[in-house]
Amino acid sequence: MIHIIRWSVFVIGVMFFSFGITVAISVQHLGIHPWDVLNVALFERVGLSIGSWAIIISGLLIIVSWILDKRYIKLGTFFNAFLVGAFVDFFMWLDFLPKATYAWPDILIILTGIVIMGVGGGMYNAAGVGSGPRDGFMLSISDKLGSPIRRVRIITESLILLLGLILGGPVFLFTFIFTFIQSPLFQFSYHKIGGWIDLIEAGLKRQSSKSSA
């Protein structure tokens, strides 16, 4: 039963996270997350789709993480690599989000996207079925170099942002403030939902023990 709950939370979290990405991309002129800057830049330069590039890059990150430290690669990591890109393409295909107005309502839209991404990211990580490819990659690099995770994250995302910028990706104000809004929401939802899952798991174990007795 607990496995069903964990995987359900994981899938819902991935859907939320992907929807948040799509919302932010709809007003990309304000700036988007560094990894999405790269995905959008590759889409505009090479073709395919934004979701396809998300899947390809996630696959490459999994390979590197697998070589450096297999501990961070679980079944959920592979599902995450595919589902995030697939959901982003699906939501974009539905084409139901409001168009950019290049006025103040766009700020509300991108803030909504950032909030949804933060909550969704915390949710799918709280499920405990595997870190996302980007998280696993940065954690494995951190372990290998013996450097703080925060430093590795800043350096990695700065390099990704620079690459995306060189390729012509959408970089603006919100690209630089993404983390300051998203990270606290990620942490809050991660601990809150993780706590709920732990409580449910403990309750199920107690119930199982009583039934066995």
C-alpha atoms as a PDB file:
ATOM      1  CA  MET A   1       0.000   0.000   0.000  1.00  0.00           C
ATOM      2  CA  ILE A   2       2.785   2.458   0.946  1.00  0.00           C
ATOM      3  CA  HIS A   3       4.427   1.866  -2.448  1.00  0.00           C
ATOM      4  CA  ILE A   4       1.203   2.896  -4.190  1.00  0.00           C
ATOM      5  CA  ILE A   5       1.060   6.050  -2.064  1.00  0.00           C
ATOM      6  CA  ARG A   6       4.704   6.919  -2.741  1.00  0.00           C
ATOM      7  CA  TRP A   7       4.394   6.404  -6.492  1.00  0.00           C
ATOM      8  CA  SER A   8       1.117   8.326  -6.609  1.00  0.00           C
ATOM      9  CA  VAL A   9       2.746  11.280  -4.812  1.00  0.00           C
ATOM     10  CA  PHE A  10       5.723  11.002  -7.177  1.00  0.00           C
ATOM     11  CA  VAL A  11       3.614  11.119 -10.349  1.00  0.00           C
ATOM     12  CA  ILE A  12       1.447  13.994  -9.070  1.00  0.00           C
ATOM     13  CA  GLY A  13       4.598  15.879  -8.052  1.00  0.00           C
ATOM     14  CA  VAL A  14       6.180  15.378 -11.479  1.00  0.00           C
ATOM     15  CA  MET A  15       2.966  16.601 -13.137  1.00  0.00           C
ATOM     16  CA  PHE A  16       2.939  19.718 -10.944  1.00  0.00           C
ATOM     17  CA  PHE A  17       6.624  20.370 -11.594  1.00  0.00           C
ATOM     18  CA  SER A  18       6.194  19.964 -15.363  1.00  0.00           C
ATOM     19  CA  PHE A  19       3.128  22.193 -15.381  1.00  0.00           C
ATOM     20  CA  GLY A  20       5.092  24.861 -13.512  1.00  0.00           C
ATOM     21  CA  ILE A  21       7.826  24.700 -16.158  1.00  0.00           C
ATOM     22  CA  THR A  22       5.214  25.117 -18.910  1.00  0.00           C
ATOM     23  CA  VAL A  23       3.619  28.092 -17.144  1.00  0.00           C
ATOM     24  CA  ALA A  24       7.016  29.798 -16.811  1.00  0.00           C
ATOM     25  CA  ILE A  25       7.909  29.104 -20.458  1.00  0.00           C
ATOM     26  CA  SER A  26       4.659  30.774 -21.558  1.00  0.00           C
ATOM     27  CA  VAL A  27       6.140  34.080 -20.327  1.00  0.00           C
ATOM     28  CA  GLN A  28       9.774  33.229 -21.029  1.00  0.00           C
ATOM     29  CA  HIS A  29      10.613  36.828 -21.941  1.00  0.00           C
ATOM     30  CA  LEU A  30      10.814  37.471 -18.177  1.00  0.00           C
ATOM     31  CA  GLY A  31      13.469  34.751 -17.818  1.00  0.00           C
ATOM     32  CA  ILE A  32      13.216  31.070 -16.882  1.00  0.00           C
ATOM     33  CA  HIS A  33      15.172  28.522 -14.853  1.00  0.00           C
ATOM     34  CA  PRO A  34      18.770  27.940 -16.125  1.00  0.00           C
ATOM     35  CA  TRP A  35      18.102  24.334 -17.171  1.00  0.00           C
ATOM     36  CA  ASP A  36      14.997  25.414 -19.078  1.00  0.00           C
ATOM     37  CA  VAL A  37      16.977  28.240 -20.706  1.00  0.00           C
ATOM     38  CA  LEU A  38      19.198  25.533 -22.208  1.00  0.00           C
ATOM     39  CA  ASN A  39      16.230  23.360 -23.273  1.00  0.00           C
ATOM     40  CA  VAL A  40      14.503  26.290 -24.982  1.00  0.00           C
ATOM     41  CA  ALA A  41      17.759  27.400 -26.649  1.00  0.00           C
ATOM     42  CA  LEU A  42      18.371  23.911 -28.078  1.00  0.00           C
ATOM     43  CA  PHE A  43      14.755  23.709 -29.246  1.00  0.00           C
ATOM     44  CA  GLU A  44      15.061  27.015 -31.095  1.00  0.00           C
ATOM     45  CA  ARG A  45      18.504  26.226 -32.526  1.00  0.00           C
ATOM     46  CA  VAL A  46      18.199  22.543 -33.413  1.00  0.00           C
ATOM     47  CA  GLY A  47      14.516  21.609 -33.383  1.00  0.00           C
ATOM     48  CA  LEU A  48      12.799  18.612 -31.763  1.00  0.00           C
ATOM     49  CA  SER A  49      10.761  19.886 -28.754  1.00  0.00           C
ATOM     50  CA  ILE A  50      11.494  21.473 -25.390  1.00  0.00           C
ATOM     51  CA  GLY A  51      10.374  18.285 -23.641  1.00  0.00           C
ATOM     52  CA  SER A  52      12.572  16.143 -25.906  1.00  0.00           C
ATOM     53  CA  TRP A  53      15.642  18.163 -24.943  1.00  0.00           C
ATOM     54  CA  ALA A  54      14.697  17.865 -21.281  1.00  0.00           C
ATOM     55  CA  ILE A  55      14.635  14.071 -21.714  1.00  0.00           C
ATOM     56  CA  ILE A  56      17.923  13.958 -23.653  1.00  0.00           C
ATOM     57  CA  ILE A  57      19.794  16.126 -21.138  1.00  0.00           C
ATOM     58  CA  SER A  58      18.317  14.184 -18.209  1.00  0.00           C
ATOM     59  CA  GLY A  59      19.511  10.952 -19.837  1.00  0.00           C
ATOM     60  CA  LEU A  60      23.045  12.308 -20.164  1.00  0.00           C
ATOM     61  CA  LEU A  61      23.024  13.422 -16.524  1.00  0.00           C
ATOM     62  CA  ILE A  62      21.896   9.952 -15.409  1.00  0.00           C
ATOM     63  CA  ILE A  63      24.793   8.371 -17.304  1.00  0.00           C
ATOM     64  CA  VAL A  64      27.312  10.692 -15.622  1.00  0.00           C
ATOM     65  CA  SER A  65      25.725  10.131 -12.189  1.00  0.00           C
ATOM     66  CA  TRP A  66      25.739   6.365 -12.757  1.00  0.00           C
ATOM     67  CA  ILE A  67      29.477   6.496 -13.460  1.00  0.00           C
ATOM     68  CA  LEU A  68      30.267   8.747 -10.482  1.00  0.00           C
ATOM     69  CA  ASP A  69      27.907   7.400  -7.821  1.00  0.00           C
ATOM     70  CA  LYS A  70      25.086   4.896  -8.414  1.00  0.00           C
ATOM     71  CA  ARG A  71      23.491   5.587  -5.006  1.00  0.00           C
ATOM     72  CA  TYR A  72      21.470   8.474  -6.372  1.00  0.00           C
ATOM     73  CA  ILE A  73      20.042   6.540  -9.303  1.00  0.00           C
ATOM     74  CA  LYS A  74      16.783   4.728  -8.559  1.00  0.00           C
ATOM     75  CA  LEU A  75      13.789   3.673 -10.632  1.00  0.00           C
ATOM     76  CA  GLY A  76      12.095   7.013 -10.013  1.00  0.00           C
ATOM     77  CA  THR A  77      15.108   8.810 -11.517  1.00  0.00           C
ATOM     78  CA  PHE A  78      14.490   7.163 -14.898  1.00  0.00           C
ATOM     79  CA  PHE A  79      10.752   7.849 -14.745  1.00  0.00           C
ATOM     80  CA  ASN A  80      11.483  11.454 -13.817  1.00  0.00           C
ATOM     81  CA  ALA A  81      13.834  11.870 -16.786  1.00  0.00           C
ATOM     82  CA  PHE A  82      11.107  10.784 -19.205  1.00  0.00           C
ATOM     83  CA  LEU A  83       7.927  12.060 -17.555  1.00  0.00           C
ATOM     84  CA  VAL A  84       8.983  15.681 -16.983  1.00  0.00           C
ATOM     85  CA  GLY A  85       9.795  16.165 -20.669  1.00  0.00           C
ATOM     86  CA  ALA A  86       6.713  14.252 -21.773  1.00  0.00           C
ATOM     87  CA  PHE A  87       4.372  16.264 -19.523  1.00  0.00           C
ATOM     88  CA  VAL A  88       5.925  19.584 -20.605  1.00  0.00           C
ATOM     89  CA  ASP A  89       5.325  18.710 -24.261  1.00  0.00           C
ATOM     90  CA  PHE A  90       1.806  17.514 -23.429  1.00  0.00           C
ATOM     91  CA  PHE A  91       0.864  20.717 -21.594  1.00  0.00           C
ATOM     92  CA  MET A  92       2.341  22.813 -24.403  1.00  0.00           C
ATOM     93  CA  TRP A  93       0.423  20.764 -26.968  1.00  0.00           C
ATOM     94  CA  LEU A  94      -2.829  21.461 -25.086  1.00  0.00           C
ATOM     95  CA  ASP A  95      -2.073  25.180 -25.595  1.00  0.00           C
ATOM     96  CA  PHE A  96      -4.542  26.347 -22.926  1.00  0.00           C
ATOM     97  CA  LEU A  97      -2.337  28.765 -20.989  1.00  0.00           C
ATOM     98  CA  PRO A  98      -2.785  32.540 -21.370  1.00  0.00           C
ATOM     99  CA  LYS A  99      -0.464  34.164 -23.890  1.00  0.00           C
ATOM    100  CA  ALA A 100       2.224  36.616 -22.805  1.00  0.00           C
ATOM    101  CA  THR A 101       0.910  40.173 -22.616  1.00  0.00           C
ATOM    102  CA  TYR A 102       4.320  41.797 -22.039  1.00  0.00           C
ATOM    103  CA  ALA A 103       2.668  43.699 -19.168  1.00  0.00           C
ATOM    104  CA  TRP A 104       2.342  43.223 -15.385  1.00  0.00           C
ATOM    105  CA  PRO A 105       0.006  40.147 -15.588  1.00  0.00           C
ATOM    106  CA  ASP A 106       2.994  38.187 -16.948  1.00  0.00           C
ATOM    107  CA  ILE A 107       4.732  38.675 -13.591  1.00  0.00           C
ATOM    108  CA  LEU A 108       1.798  36.984 -11.824  1.00  0.00           C
ATOM    109  CA  ILE A 109       1.947  34.144 -14.344  1.00  0.00           C
ATOM    110  CA  ILE A 110       5.664  33.451 -13.881  1.00  0.00           C
ATOM    111  CA  LEU A 111       5.360  33.688 -10.083  1.00  0.00           C
ATOM    112  CA  THR A 112       2.588  31.093 -10.297  1.00  0.00           C
ATOM    113  CA  GLY A 113       4.849  28.868 -12.381  1.00  0.00           C
ATOM    114  CA  ILE A 114       7.708  29.177  -9.893  1.00  0.00           C
ATOM    115  CA  VAL A 115       5.414  28.330  -6.957  1.00  0.00           C
ATOM    116  CA  ILE A 116       4.024  25.260  -8.754  1.00  0.00           C
ATOM    117  CA  MET A 117       7.556  24.102  -9.662  1.00  0.00           C
ATOM    118  CA  GLY A 118       8.720  24.493  -6.054  1.00  0.00           C
ATOM    119  CA  VAL A 119       5.800  22.539  -4.611  1.00  0.00           C
ATOM    120  CA  GLY A 120       5.952  19.872  -7.323  1.00  0.00           C
ATOM    121  CA  GLY A 121       9.717  19.401  -6.953  1.00  0.00           C
ATOM    122  CA  GLY A 122       9.433  18.976  -3.201  1.00  0.00           C
ATOM    123  CA  MET A 123       6.534  16.573  -3.669  1.00  0.00           C
ATOM    124  CA  TYR A 124       8.197  14.140  -6.073  1.00  0.00           C
ATOM    125  CA  ASN A 125      11.414  14.136  -4.029  1.00  0.00           C
ATOM    126  CA  ALA A 126       9.453  13.508  -0.807  1.00  0.00           C
ATOM    127  CA  ALA A 127       8.027  10.338  -2.362  1.00  0.00           C
ATOM    128  CA  GLY A 128      11.457   8.749  -1.887  1.00  0.00           C
ATOM    129  CA  VAL A 129      11.514   6.711  -5.096  1.00  0.00           C
ATOM    130  CA  GLY A 130      14.526   8.461  -6.617  1.00  0.00           C
ATOM    131  CA  SER A 131      16.105  11.895  -7.020  1.00  0.00           C
ATOM    132  CA  GLY A 132      15.599  13.822 -10.226  1.00  0.00           C
ATOM    133  CA  PRO A 133      18.434  13.492 -12.799  1.00  0.00           C
ATOM    134  CA  ARG A 134      19.658  17.043 -12.131  1.00  0.00           C
ATOM    135  CA  ASP A 135      19.590  16.595  -8.344  1.00  0.00           C
ATOM    136  CA  GLY A 136      21.338  13.221  -8.554  1.00  0.00           C
ATOM    137  CA  PHE A 137      23.975  14.659 -10.883  1.00  0.00           C
ATOM    138  CA  MET A 138      24.795  17.558  -8.544  1.00  0.00           C
ATOM    139  CA  LEU A 139      24.803  15.306  -5.457  1.00  0.00           C
ATOM    140  CA  SER A 140      27.200  12.841  -7.111  1.00  0.00           C
ATOM    141  CA  ILE A 141      29.515  15.683  -8.193  1.00  0.00           C
ATOM    142  CA  SER A 142      29.405  17.074  -4.654  1.00  0.00           C
ATOM    143  CA  ASP A 143      30.374  13.703  -3.165  1.00  0.00           C
ATOM    144  CA  LYS A 144      33.126  13.108  -5.712  1.00  0.00           C
ATOM    145  CA  LEU A 145      34.754  16.517  -5.203  1.00  0.00           C
ATOM    146  CA  GLY A 146      33.985  16.788  -1.494  1.00  0.00           C
ATOM    147  CA  SER A 147      32.406  20.199  -2.111  1.00  0.00           C
ATOM    148  CA  PRO A 148      29.262  21.636  -0.486  1.00  0.00           C
ATOM    149  CA  ILE A 149      26.079  20.906  -2.444  1.00  0.00           C
ATOM    150  CA  ARG A 150      25.171  24.615  -2.541  1.00  0.00           C
ATOM    151  CA  ARG A 151      28.501  25.490  -4.204  1.00  0.00           C
ATOM    152  CA  VAL A 152      28.195  22.682  -6.735  1.00  0.00           C
ATOM    153  CA  ARG A 153      24.622  23.746  -7.523  1.00  0.00           C
ATOM    154  CA  ILE A 154      25.586  27.387  -8.055  1.00  0.00           C
ATOM    155  CA  ILE A 155      28.554  26.522 -10.283  1.00  0.00           C
ATOM    156  CA  THR A 156      26.638  23.908 -12.281  1.00  0.00           C
ATOM    157  CA  GLU A 157      23.587  26.087 -12.898  1.00  0.00           C
ATOM    158  CA  SER A 158      25.798  29.079 -13.730  1.00  0.00           C
ATOM    159  CA  LEU A 159      27.608  27.044 -16.397  1.00  0.00           C
ATOM    160  CA  ILE A 160      24.315  25.732 -17.782  1.00  0.00           C
ATOM    161  CA  LEU A 161      22.943  29.279 -17.824  1.00  0.00           C
ATOM    162  CA  LEU A 162      26.041  30.552 -19.662  1.00  0.00           C
ATOM    163  CA  LEU A 163      25.715  27.782 -22.256  1.00  0.00           C
ATOM    164  CA  GLY A 164      22.010  28.526 -22.708  1.00  0.00           C
ATOM    165  CA  LEU A 165      22.751  32.248 -23.017  1.00  0.00           C
ATOM    166  CA  ILE A 166      25.424  31.627 -25.676  1.00  0.00           C
ATOM    167  CA  LEU A 167      22.899  29.537 -27.627  1.00  0.00           C
ATOM    168  CA  GLY A 168      20.356  32.366 -27.418  1.00  0.00           C
ATOM    169  CA  GLY A 169      18.084  31.109 -24.628  1.00  0.00           C
ATOM    170  CA  PRO A 170      15.649  33.434 -22.782  1.00  0.00           C
ATOM    171  CA  VAL A 171      17.587  34.982 -19.902  1.00  0.00           C
ATOM    172  CA  PHE A 172      16.167  37.894 -17.922  1.00  0.00           C
ATOM    173  CA  LEU A 173      15.445  39.050 -14.364  1.00  0.00           C
ATOM    174  CA  PHE A 174      13.481  36.000 -13.174  1.00  0.00           C
ATOM    175  CA  THR A 175      16.263  33.654 -14.316  1.00  0.00           C
ATOM    176  CA  PHE A 176      18.347  34.997 -11.450  1.00  0.00           C
ATOM    177  CA  ILE A 177      15.637  35.075  -8.768  1.00  0.00           C
ATOM    178  CA  PHE A 178      14.131  31.671  -9.575  1.00  0.00           C
ATOM    179  CA  THR A 179      16.121  29.854  -6.902  1.00  0.00           C
ATOM    180  CA  PHE A 180      15.352  32.395  -4.164  1.00  0.00           C
ATOM    181  CA  ILE A 181      11.607  31.783  -4.579  1.00  0.00           C
ATOM    182  CA  GLN A 182      11.582  28.132  -5.600  1.00  0.00           C
ATOM    183  CA  SER A 183      14.033  26.685  -3.046  1.00  0.00           C
ATOM    184  CA  PRO A 184      12.098  27.637   0.139  1.00  0.00           C
ATOM    185  CA  LEU A 185       8.869  26.264  -1.384  1.00  0.00           C
ATOM    186  CA  PHE A 186      10.711  23.096  -2.406  1.00  0.00           C
ATOM    187  CA  GLN A 187      12.033  22.660   1.129  1.00  0.00           C
ATOM    188  CA  PHE A 188       8.644  23.320   2.740  1.00  0.00           C
ATOM    189  CA  SER A 189       6.708  20.873   0.535  1.00  0.00           C
ATOM    190  CA  TYR A 190       9.508  18.285   0.754  1.00  0.00           C
ATOM    191  CA  HIS A 191       9.447  18.199   4.563  1.00  0.00           C
ATOM    192  CA  LYS A 192       5.665  18.590   4.891  1.00  0.00           C
ATOM    193  CA  ILE A 193       4.710  15.886   2.382  1.00  0.00           C
ATOM    194  CA  GLY A 194       7.578  13.641   3.450  1.00  0.00           C
ATOM    195  CA  GLY A 195       6.290  13.872   7.025  1.00  0.00           C
ATOM    196  CA  TRP A 196       2.775  12.918   5.934  1.00  0.00           C
ATOM    197  CA  ILE A 197       4.099   9.907   4.023  1.00  0.00           C
ATOM    198  CA  ASP A 198       6.147   8.798   7.052  1.00  0.00           C
ATOM    199  CA  LEU A 199       3.060   9.077   9.284  1.00  0.00           C
ATOM    200  CA  ILE A 200       0.979   7.021   6.861  1.00  0.00           C
ATOM    201  CA  GLU A 201       3.749   4.418   6.606  1.00  0.00           C
ATOM    202  CA  ALA A 202       4.058   4.177  10.403  1.00  0.00           C
ATOM    203  CA  GLY A 203       0.286   3.803  10.717  1.00  0.00           C
ATOM    204  CA  LEU A 204       0.212   1.031   8.116  1.00  0.00           C
ATOM    205  CA  LYS A 205       3.026  -0.809   9.910  1.00  0.00           C
ATOM    206  CA  ARG A 206       1.172  -0.601  13.241  1.00  0.00           C
ATOM    207  CA  GLN A 207      -1.983  -1.877  11.588  1.00  0.00           C
ATOM    208  CA  SER A 208      -0.033  -4.725   9.994  1.00  0.00           C
ATOM    209  CA  SER A 209       1.545  -5.645  13.335  1.00  0.00           C
ATOM    210  CA  LYS A 210      -1.877  -5.753  15.024  1.00  0.00           C
ATOM    211  CA  SER A 211      -3.281  -7.928  12.240  1.00  0.00           C
ATOM    212  CA  SER A 212      -0.331 -10.344  12.535  1.00  0.00           C
ATOM    213  CA  ALA A 213      -0.793 -10.554  16.312  1.00  0.00           C
END
